[in-house]
Protein backbone atom coordinates (compact mmCIF):
# COMPACT_ATOMS: atom_id res chain seq x y z
CA UNK A 1 29.59 36.42 -138.22
CA UNK A 2 29.15 35.31 -134.63
CA UNK A 3 25.50 34.42 -135.22
CA UNK A 4 26.59 31.93 -137.86
CA UNK A 5 29.09 30.48 -135.39
CA UNK A 6 26.40 30.06 -132.76
CA UNK A 7 24.13 28.35 -135.29
CA UNK A 8 26.92 26.03 -136.45
CA UNK A 9 27.78 25.09 -132.86
CA UNK A 10 24.12 24.49 -132.06
CA UNK A 11 23.71 22.28 -135.11
CA UNK A 12 26.86 20.34 -134.24
CA UNK A 13 25.66 19.87 -130.65
CA UNK A 14 22.30 18.62 -131.92
CA UNK A 15 23.99 16.09 -134.20
CA UNK A 16 26.22 14.91 -131.36
CA UNK A 17 23.14 14.57 -129.15
CA UNK A 18 21.59 12.42 -131.88
CA UNK A 19 24.74 10.23 -131.86
CA UNK A 20 24.51 10.02 -128.07
CA UNK A 21 20.88 8.88 -128.15
CA UNK A 22 21.05 6.63 -131.22
CA UNK A 23 24.53 5.14 -130.84
CA UNK A 24 24.28 1.38 -130.65
CA UNK A 25 27.60 0.95 -128.85
CA UNK A 26 29.18 2.54 -125.81
CA UNK A 27 31.94 4.00 -128.00
CA UNK A 28 29.35 5.84 -130.11
CA UNK A 29 27.80 7.31 -127.01
CA UNK A 30 31.19 8.44 -125.72
CA UNK A 31 31.87 10.17 -129.04
CA UNK A 32 28.51 11.92 -128.70
CA UNK A 33 29.28 13.15 -125.19
CA UNK A 34 32.78 14.28 -126.15
CA UNK A 35 31.47 16.16 -129.15
CA UNK A 36 28.86 17.92 -127.04
CA UNK A 37 31.54 18.91 -124.52
CA UNK A 38 33.73 20.29 -127.31
CA UNK A 39 30.75 22.25 -128.63
CA UNK A 40 30.13 23.63 -125.15
CA UNK A 41 33.76 24.65 -124.73
CA UNK A 42 33.70 26.27 -128.15
CA UNK A 43 30.55 28.15 -127.22
CA UNK A 44 32.24 29.50 -124.08
CA UNK A 45 35.28 30.60 -126.07
CA UNK A 46 33.26 32.23 -128.86
CA UNK A 47 31.12 34.00 -126.28
CA UNK A 48 34.26 35.30 -124.54
CA UNK A 49 35.61 36.57 -127.85
CA UNK A 50 32.26 38.13 -128.73
CA UNK A 51 31.83 40.01 -125.46
CA UNK A 52 35.46 40.66 -124.61
CA UNK A 53 35.02 39.16 -121.15
CA UNK A 54 37.08 36.08 -120.41
CA UNK A 55 35.40 35.19 -117.13
CA UNK A 56 34.41 31.70 -118.28
CA UNK A 57 37.66 30.77 -120.03
CA UNK A 58 38.99 28.94 -116.95
CA UNK A 59 35.78 26.90 -117.00
CA UNK A 60 36.55 25.89 -120.59
CA UNK A 61 40.03 24.75 -119.54
CA UNK A 62 38.65 22.71 -116.64
CA UNK A 63 36.02 21.20 -118.95
CA UNK A 64 38.75 20.17 -121.39
CA UNK A 65 40.76 18.48 -118.65
CA UNK A 66 37.78 16.65 -117.17
CA UNK A 67 36.67 15.56 -120.62
CA UNK A 68 40.10 14.15 -121.44
CA UNK A 69 40.32 12.22 -118.19
CA UNK A 70 36.80 10.82 -118.45
CA UNK A 71 37.35 9.76 -122.06
CA UNK A 72 40.57 8.00 -121.06
CA UNK A 73 38.82 6.14 -118.24
CA UNK A 74 35.95 5.05 -120.48
CA UNK A 75 38.39 3.94 -123.19
CA UNK A 76 40.19 1.74 -120.65
CA UNK A 77 36.86 0.30 -119.58
CA UNK A 78 35.85 -0.48 -123.17
CA UNK A 79 39.24 -2.03 -123.82
CA UNK A 80 38.86 -4.30 -120.80
CA UNK A 81 35.36 -5.39 -121.82
CA UNK A 82 36.48 -6.46 -125.27
CA UNK A 83 33.66 -4.61 -127.04
């Protein structure tokens, strides 16, 4: 079951990377980065559940907070540009 989860997260990260590279607008690129960060956090959480060691769970929490703040800052920037 966990192998399928790893494959699904890898596929999702690859599709978000495609959106990051292909996105014509800044908003598309931000969605790509956010999606890749969510995939990375999910990978950390699934790995912690799989192994039973929660050593990297605080890193997932910090990643979530940094991602939220950076997305908010970029959204304010896009709003000010009028894109």
